[in-house]
Amino acid sequence: MKIPMAFLADEANISQEGKLNVLGIFDRIAAAEFPVVHPRMVFAFRVQAEFADAGRNHELAVTLESDDDEILFEASGDINPPVVPPGEFSTANQVFTLVGLTFPRPGLYRFVVTLHGLDRYETPFVVSNAQADTTLN
């Protein structure tokens, strides 16, 4: 199993057909003062499973970590991929909506998706001081 894509966005959802719909991908949050409460963000990613992944549970964990390894959010669960023919793959979209998340200070933050407790997939983003930041989104 692998994570072929992951990102932060203003909004994301999964359609009835299983399509991932996304609005406003970003990698920077600018704030006038700290701590700052971000009103709403979505962390979304896709899990890709192949023939060898079917038939067993795969532990998955998601954390939001600061640059000093403080955990601001965490969730975990199991993924049970379907059987797919050799040479093909199956995907599952995952969407986490985070409301009212507090960032204590400027810095580098990252969402980390861990599969099987071993493979780490990181999605970094910056939380910066708006007065010092010249690349605002």
N, C-alpha and C. Protein backbone atom coordinates (compact mmCIF):
# COMPACT_ATOMS: atom_id res chain seq x y z
N MET A 1 0.85 -1.17 0.00
CA MET A 1 0.00 0.00 0.00
C MET A 1 0.89 1.23 0.00
N LYS A 2 0.37 2.29 -0.63
CA LYS A 2 1.11 3.54 -0.65
C LYS A 2 0.16 4.72 -0.69
N ILE A 3 0.71 5.89 -0.47
CA ILE A 3 -0.04 7.14 -0.50
C ILE A 3 0.46 7.93 -1.72
N PRO A 4 -0.25 7.89 -2.85
CA PRO A 4 0.24 8.59 -4.04
C PRO A 4 0.03 10.10 -4.01
N MET A 5 -0.89 10.60 -3.14
CA MET A 5 -1.07 12.04 -3.02
C MET A 5 -1.71 12.39 -1.69
N ALA A 6 -1.32 13.57 -1.19
CA ALA A 6 -1.87 14.10 0.06
C ALA A 6 -1.72 15.62 0.04
N PHE A 7 -2.69 16.34 0.62
CA PHE A 7 -2.65 17.80 0.57
C PHE A 7 -3.60 18.40 1.59
N LEU A 8 -3.42 19.71 1.83
CA LEU A 8 -4.32 20.53 2.63
C LEU A 8 -5.19 21.33 1.67
N ALA A 9 -6.44 21.55 2.03
CA ALA A 9 -7.33 22.33 1.18
C ALA A 9 -8.38 23.04 2.03
N ASP A 10 -9.04 24.01 1.38
CA ASP A 10 -10.16 24.68 2.04
C ASP A 10 -11.35 23.76 2.17
N GLU A 11 -11.53 22.90 1.16
CA GLU A 11 -12.68 21.99 1.16
C GLU A 11 -12.37 20.77 0.31
N ALA A 12 -12.91 19.63 0.68
CA ALA A 12 -12.81 18.41 -0.11
C ALA A 12 -13.95 17.49 0.29
N ASN A 13 -14.42 16.72 -0.67
CA ASN A 13 -15.43 15.70 -0.37
C ASN A 13 -15.30 14.58 -1.39
N ILE A 14 -15.98 13.50 -1.11
CA ILE A 14 -15.97 12.34 -1.99
C ILE A 14 -17.37 12.18 -2.57
N SER A 15 -17.45 12.15 -3.89
CA SER A 15 -18.74 12.04 -4.56
C SER A 15 -19.32 10.64 -4.40
N GLN A 16 -20.58 10.47 -4.80
CA GLN A 16 -21.21 9.15 -4.75
C GLN A 16 -20.47 8.14 -5.60
N GLU A 17 -19.81 8.62 -6.65
CA GLU A 17 -19.05 7.73 -7.54
C GLU A 17 -17.64 7.44 -7.01
N GLY A 18 -17.28 8.04 -5.87
CA GLY A 18 -15.96 7.82 -5.28
C GLY A 18 -14.90 8.81 -5.74
N LYS A 19 -15.30 9.85 -6.49
CA LYS A 19 -14.36 10.86 -6.96
C LYS A 19 -14.04 11.84 -5.84
N LEU A 20 -12.78 12.25 -5.78
CA LEU A 20 -12.35 13.24 -4.80
C LEU A 20 -12.50 14.63 -5.40
N ASN A 21 -13.32 15.47 -4.78
CA ASN A 21 -13.54 16.85 -5.20
C ASN A 21 -12.79 17.76 -4.24
N VAL A 22 -12.00 18.70 -4.79
CA VAL A 22 -11.13 19.53 -3.96
C VAL A 22 -11.25 20.99 -4.36
N LEU A 23 -11.19 21.88 -3.35
CA LEU A 23 -11.22 23.32 -3.59
C LEU A 23 -10.15 23.98 -2.73
N GLY A 24 -9.25 24.71 -3.33
CA GLY A 24 -8.31 25.55 -2.60
C GLY A 24 -7.18 24.83 -1.90
N ILE A 25 -6.33 24.13 -2.64
CA ILE A 25 -5.16 23.48 -2.04
C ILE A 25 -4.17 24.56 -1.59
N PHE A 26 -3.61 24.41 -0.39
CA PHE A 26 -2.64 25.38 0.12
C PHE A 26 -1.55 24.70 0.94
N ASP A 27 -0.46 25.44 1.18
CA ASP A 27 0.63 24.92 2.00
C ASP A 27 1.18 25.99 2.94
N ARG A 28 0.40 27.07 3.15
CA ARG A 28 0.85 28.16 4.01
C ARG A 28 -0.35 28.81 4.67
N ILE A 29 -0.21 29.08 5.96
CA ILE A 29 -1.21 29.82 6.72
C ILE A 29 -0.49 31.02 7.32
N ALA A 30 -1.01 32.22 7.13
CA ALA A 30 -0.42 33.43 7.70
C ALA A 30 -1.36 33.98 8.76
N ALA A 31 -0.79 34.38 9.89
CA ALA A 31 -1.59 34.89 11.00
C ALA A 31 -0.98 36.18 11.53
N ALA A 32 -1.82 37.08 12.02
CA ALA A 32 -1.36 38.35 12.57
C ALA A 32 -0.78 38.19 13.97
N GLU A 33 -1.28 37.21 14.71
CA GLU A 33 -0.78 36.99 16.08
C GLU A 33 -0.94 35.52 16.46
N PHE A 34 -0.23 35.12 17.50
CA PHE A 34 -0.23 33.73 17.96
C PHE A 34 -0.52 33.67 19.45
N PRO A 35 -1.18 32.59 19.88
CA PRO A 35 -1.67 31.47 19.09
C PRO A 35 -2.80 31.92 18.15
N VAL A 36 -2.99 31.15 17.08
CA VAL A 36 -4.03 31.45 16.12
C VAL A 36 -4.92 30.22 15.95
N VAL A 37 -6.21 30.47 15.82
CA VAL A 37 -7.17 29.39 15.57
C VAL A 37 -7.54 29.44 14.09
N HIS A 38 -7.25 28.36 13.38
CA HIS A 38 -7.63 28.29 11.96
C HIS A 38 -9.07 27.77 11.91
N PRO A 39 -9.97 28.50 11.25
CA PRO A 39 -11.39 28.14 11.32
C PRO A 39 -11.74 26.78 10.72
N ARG A 40 -11.12 26.44 9.58
CA ARG A 40 -11.49 25.17 8.94
C ARG A 40 -10.45 24.82 7.88
N MET A 41 -10.01 23.57 7.89
CA MET A 41 -9.13 23.06 6.85
C MET A 41 -9.45 21.59 6.65
N VAL A 42 -9.04 21.09 5.50
CA VAL A 42 -9.25 19.68 5.18
C VAL A 42 -7.91 19.07 4.83
N PHE A 43 -7.61 17.94 5.44
CA PHE A 43 -6.46 17.15 5.04
C PHE A 43 -7.02 15.94 4.29
N ALA A 44 -6.58 15.77 3.04
CA ALA A 44 -7.09 14.67 2.23
C ALA A 44 -5.92 13.90 1.63
N PHE A 45 -6.12 12.61 1.46
CA PHE A 45 -5.09 11.79 0.84
C PHE A 45 -5.75 10.58 0.20
N ARG A 46 -4.98 9.95 -0.68
CA ARG A 46 -5.46 8.75 -1.38
C ARG A 46 -4.56 7.58 -0.99
N VAL A 47 -5.19 6.47 -0.67
CA VAL A 47 -4.48 5.22 -0.39
C VAL A 47 -4.61 4.33 -1.62
N GLN A 48 -3.48 3.77 -2.06
CA GLN A 48 -3.49 2.89 -3.23
C GLN A 48 -3.06 1.49 -2.81
N ALA A 49 -3.89 0.52 -3.11
CA ALA A 49 -3.62 -0.88 -2.77
C ALA A 49 -3.44 -1.69 -4.05
N GLU A 50 -2.56 -2.67 -3.98
CA GLU A 50 -2.31 -3.55 -5.11
C GLU A 50 -2.69 -4.98 -4.74
N PHE A 51 -2.52 -5.89 -5.65
CA PHE A 51 -2.91 -7.29 -5.48
C PHE A 51 -2.41 -7.87 -4.16
N ALA A 52 -1.15 -7.64 -3.82
CA ALA A 52 -0.55 -8.23 -2.62
C ALA A 52 -1.11 -7.65 -1.32
N ASP A 53 -1.80 -6.52 -1.38
CA ASP A 53 -2.31 -5.87 -0.17
C ASP A 53 -3.66 -6.42 0.29
N ALA A 54 -4.36 -7.14 -0.56
CA ALA A 54 -5.71 -7.61 -0.25
C ALA A 54 -5.70 -8.72 0.79
N GLY A 55 -6.83 -8.86 1.46
CA GLY A 55 -7.01 -9.98 2.37
C GLY A 55 -6.51 -9.78 3.78
N ARG A 56 -6.06 -8.58 4.12
CA ARG A 56 -5.62 -8.34 5.50
C ARG A 56 -5.83 -6.87 5.88
N ASN A 57 -5.95 -6.63 7.18
CA ASN A 57 -6.07 -5.27 7.69
C ASN A 57 -4.74 -4.56 7.60
N HIS A 58 -4.80 -3.28 7.29
CA HIS A 58 -3.61 -2.44 7.25
C HIS A 58 -3.84 -1.30 8.23
N GLU A 59 -3.00 -1.21 9.27
CA GLU A 59 -3.11 -0.13 10.25
C GLU A 59 -2.72 1.18 9.60
N LEU A 60 -3.53 2.21 9.86
CA LEU A 60 -3.27 3.53 9.32
C LEU A 60 -3.44 4.54 10.44
N ALA A 61 -2.50 5.47 10.56
CA ALA A 61 -2.59 6.53 11.56
C ALA A 61 -2.30 7.86 10.89
N VAL A 62 -3.00 8.91 11.33
CA VAL A 62 -2.79 10.26 10.83
C VAL A 62 -2.52 11.15 12.03
N THR A 63 -1.42 11.92 11.97
CA THR A 63 -1.12 12.90 13.01
C THR A 63 -0.81 14.24 12.37
N LEU A 64 -1.06 15.30 13.11
CA LEU A 64 -0.60 16.64 12.76
C LEU A 64 0.43 16.99 13.80
N GLU A 65 1.66 17.25 13.36
CA GLU A 65 2.79 17.48 14.26
C GLU A 65 3.42 18.84 14.00
N SER A 66 3.93 19.45 15.07
CA SER A 66 4.69 20.69 14.94
C SER A 66 6.15 20.36 14.68
N ASP A 67 6.96 21.38 14.43
CA ASP A 67 8.38 21.14 14.16
C ASP A 67 9.14 20.62 15.37
N ASP A 68 8.55 20.73 16.57
CA ASP A 68 9.17 20.12 17.75
C ASP A 68 8.43 18.86 18.19
N ASP A 69 7.73 18.22 17.25
CA ASP A 69 7.06 16.92 17.43
C ASP A 69 5.87 16.93 18.39
N GLU A 70 5.31 18.11 18.67
CA GLU A 70 4.08 18.17 19.44
C GLU A 70 2.93 17.70 18.54
N ILE A 71 2.07 16.83 19.05
CA ILE A 71 0.95 16.31 18.27
C ILE A 71 -0.29 17.18 18.53
N LEU A 72 -0.82 17.78 17.45
CA LEU A 72 -2.00 18.65 17.54
C LEU A 72 -3.29 17.93 17.17
N PHE A 73 -3.16 16.82 16.45
CA PHE A 73 -4.32 16.04 16.01
C PHE A 73 -3.84 14.63 15.74
N GLU A 74 -4.69 13.64 16.08
CA GLU A 74 -4.36 12.26 15.71
C GLU A 74 -5.63 11.44 15.54
N ALA A 75 -5.54 10.50 14.60
CA ALA A 75 -6.64 9.57 14.33
C ALA A 75 -6.01 8.28 13.82
N SER A 76 -6.70 7.17 14.03
CA SER A 76 -6.17 5.89 13.54
C SER A 76 -7.31 4.95 13.23
N GLY A 77 -6.97 3.93 12.47
CA GLY A 77 -7.96 2.92 12.09
C GLY A 77 -7.33 1.90 11.18
N ASP A 78 -8.16 1.04 10.65
CA ASP A 78 -7.71 0.00 9.74
C ASP A 78 -8.31 0.21 8.36
N ILE A 79 -7.55 -0.17 7.35
CA ILE A 79 -8.04 -0.17 5.98
C ILE A 79 -8.03 -1.61 5.50
N ASN A 80 -9.12 -2.02 4.88
CA ASN A 80 -9.25 -3.37 4.35
C ASN A 80 -9.44 -3.29 2.84
N PRO A 81 -8.35 -3.33 2.07
CA PRO A 81 -8.48 -3.17 0.63
C PRO A 81 -9.16 -4.37 -0.02
N PRO A 82 -9.86 -4.11 -1.13
CA PRO A 82 -10.50 -5.21 -1.85
C PRO A 82 -9.46 -6.01 -2.64
N VAL A 83 -9.87 -7.17 -3.08
CA VAL A 83 -9.01 -7.98 -3.95
C VAL A 83 -9.01 -7.35 -5.33
N VAL A 84 -7.82 -7.14 -5.88
CA VAL A 84 -7.69 -6.61 -7.24
C VAL A 84 -6.83 -7.58 -8.04
N PRO A 85 -7.05 -7.67 -9.33
CA PRO A 85 -6.25 -8.58 -10.17
C PRO A 85 -4.77 -8.17 -10.16
N PRO A 86 -3.87 -9.13 -10.34
CA PRO A 86 -2.45 -8.80 -10.42
C PRO A 86 -2.20 -7.76 -11.51
N GLY A 87 -1.34 -6.80 -11.21
CA GLY A 87 -1.03 -5.74 -12.15
C GLY A 87 -1.97 -4.56 -12.11
N GLU A 88 -3.06 -4.65 -11.35
CA GLU A 88 -4.00 -3.54 -11.21
C GLU A 88 -3.91 -2.97 -9.80
N PHE A 89 -4.68 -1.91 -9.53
CA PHE A 89 -4.69 -1.31 -8.21
C PHE A 89 -6.08 -0.79 -7.89
N SER A 90 -6.29 -0.50 -6.61
CA SER A 90 -7.53 0.07 -6.13
C SER A 90 -7.18 1.28 -5.27
N THR A 91 -8.02 2.31 -5.30
CA THR A 91 -7.75 3.49 -4.48
C THR A 91 -8.92 3.77 -3.55
N ALA A 92 -8.60 4.42 -2.43
CA ALA A 92 -9.61 4.89 -1.49
C ALA A 92 -9.20 6.28 -1.04
N ASN A 93 -10.12 7.23 -1.15
CA ASN A 93 -9.86 8.61 -0.73
C ASN A 93 -10.24 8.77 0.73
N GLN A 94 -9.41 9.51 1.45
CA GLN A 94 -9.64 9.78 2.87
C GLN A 94 -9.69 11.29 3.06
N VAL A 95 -10.68 11.78 3.80
CA VAL A 95 -10.84 13.21 4.02
C VAL A 95 -11.04 13.46 5.52
N PHE A 96 -10.19 14.32 6.08
CA PHE A 96 -10.31 14.73 7.48
C PHE A 96 -10.59 16.22 7.51
N THR A 97 -11.74 16.61 8.06
CA THR A 97 -12.08 18.02 8.21
C THR A 97 -11.75 18.45 9.63
N LEU A 98 -10.92 19.48 9.74
CA LEU A 98 -10.46 19.97 11.04
C LEU A 98 -11.01 21.38 11.26
N VAL A 99 -11.78 21.56 12.32
CA VAL A 99 -12.42 22.83 12.61
C VAL A 99 -11.87 23.37 13.92
N GLY A 100 -11.47 24.65 13.91
CA GLY A 100 -11.02 25.31 15.14
C GLY A 100 -9.68 24.81 15.66
N LEU A 101 -8.78 24.48 14.77
CA LEU A 101 -7.46 23.97 15.17
C LEU A 101 -6.58 25.13 15.59
N THR A 102 -5.91 25.01 16.75
CA THR A 102 -5.05 26.07 17.27
C THR A 102 -3.59 25.79 16.95
N PHE A 103 -2.93 26.79 16.37
CA PHE A 103 -1.50 26.74 16.13
C PHE A 103 -0.84 27.68 17.15
N PRO A 104 -0.02 27.13 18.04
CA PRO A 104 0.52 27.93 19.13
C PRO A 104 1.55 28.98 18.70
N ARG A 105 2.26 28.72 17.59
CA ARG A 105 3.35 29.62 17.18
C ARG A 105 3.64 29.41 15.70
N PRO A 106 4.36 30.36 15.10
CA PRO A 106 4.78 30.15 13.71
C PRO A 106 5.73 28.96 13.62
N GLY A 107 5.81 28.36 12.44
CA GLY A 107 6.76 27.26 12.25
C GLY A 107 6.33 26.32 11.15
N LEU A 108 7.09 25.26 11.03
CA LEU A 108 6.81 24.21 10.06
C LEU A 108 5.97 23.13 10.75
N TYR A 109 4.86 22.78 10.15
CA TYR A 109 3.98 21.74 10.65
C TYR A 109 3.88 20.67 9.58
N ARG A 110 3.38 19.49 9.94
CA ARG A 110 3.27 18.42 8.96
C ARG A 110 2.16 17.44 9.37
N PHE A 111 1.41 17.02 8.36
CA PHE A 111 0.52 15.88 8.54
C PHE A 111 1.34 14.65 8.20
N VAL A 112 1.25 13.64 9.04
CA VAL A 112 1.98 12.39 8.83
C VAL A 112 0.98 11.26 8.76
N VAL A 113 1.03 10.51 7.65
CA VAL A 113 0.21 9.31 7.51
C VAL A 113 1.16 8.14 7.65
N THR A 114 0.85 7.24 8.58
CA THR A 114 1.69 6.07 8.83
C THR A 114 0.92 4.81 8.48
N LEU A 115 1.50 3.98 7.64
CA LEU A 115 0.92 2.69 7.28
C LEU A 115 1.70 1.58 7.95
N HIS A 116 1.02 0.64 8.55
CA HIS A 116 1.64 -0.53 9.19
C HIS A 116 2.58 -0.14 10.33
N GLY A 117 2.49 1.10 10.82
CA GLY A 117 3.39 1.55 11.87
C GLY A 117 4.80 1.80 11.38
N LEU A 118 5.05 1.68 10.07
CA LEU A 118 6.40 1.81 9.53
C LEU A 118 6.54 2.90 8.48
N ASP A 119 5.79 2.81 7.41
CA ASP A 119 5.92 3.73 6.29
C ASP A 119 5.29 5.08 6.63
N ARG A 120 6.10 6.16 6.58
CA ARG A 120 5.62 7.51 6.89
C ARG A 120 5.53 8.34 5.61
N TYR A 121 4.40 9.00 5.45
CA TYR A 121 4.18 9.90 4.33
C TYR A 121 3.87 11.27 4.92
N GLU A 122 4.70 12.26 4.65
CA GLU A 122 4.57 13.57 5.26
C GLU A 122 4.08 14.63 4.28
N THR A 123 3.20 15.50 4.76
CA THR A 123 2.71 16.64 4.00
C THR A 123 2.99 17.89 4.83
N PRO A 124 4.10 18.59 4.53
CA PRO A 124 4.47 19.76 5.33
C PRO A 124 3.73 21.02 4.90
N PHE A 125 3.59 21.95 5.84
CA PHE A 125 3.06 23.28 5.54
C PHE A 125 3.61 24.26 6.56
N VAL A 126 3.54 25.55 6.21
CA VAL A 126 4.12 26.60 7.03
C VAL A 126 3.01 27.42 7.67
N VAL A 127 3.18 27.73 8.95
CA VAL A 127 2.33 28.71 9.62
C VAL A 127 3.26 29.88 9.94
N SER A 128 2.95 31.06 9.39
CA SER A 128 3.88 32.18 9.49
C SER A 128 3.20 33.42 10.04
N ASN A 129 4.05 34.37 10.42
CA ASN A 129 3.60 35.68 10.88
C ASN A 129 3.25 36.51 9.65
N ALA A 130 2.03 37.02 9.58
CA ALA A 130 1.56 37.74 8.38
C ALA A 130 2.39 38.98 8.09
N GLN A 131 2.89 39.68 9.10
CA GLN A 131 3.69 40.87 8.86
C GLN A 131 5.04 40.52 8.24
N ALA A 132 5.60 39.35 8.55
CA ALA A 132 6.91 38.97 8.03
C ALA A 132 6.81 38.15 6.75
N ASP A 133 5.62 37.72 6.40
CA ASP A 133 5.43 36.82 5.27
C ASP A 133 5.11 37.60 4.00
N THR A 134 5.89 37.39 2.94
CA THR A 134 5.65 38.07 1.68
C THR A 134 5.02 37.16 0.63
N THR A 135 4.72 35.88 1.01
CA THR A 135 4.14 34.92 0.06
C THR A 135 2.79 34.45 0.57
N LEU A 136 1.91 35.34 0.86
CA LEU A 136 0.60 34.98 1.41
C LEU A 136 -0.28 34.34 0.37
N ASN A 137 -1.08 33.38 0.81
CA ASN A 137 -2.07 32.74 -0.06
C ASN A 137 -3.43 33.32 0.22
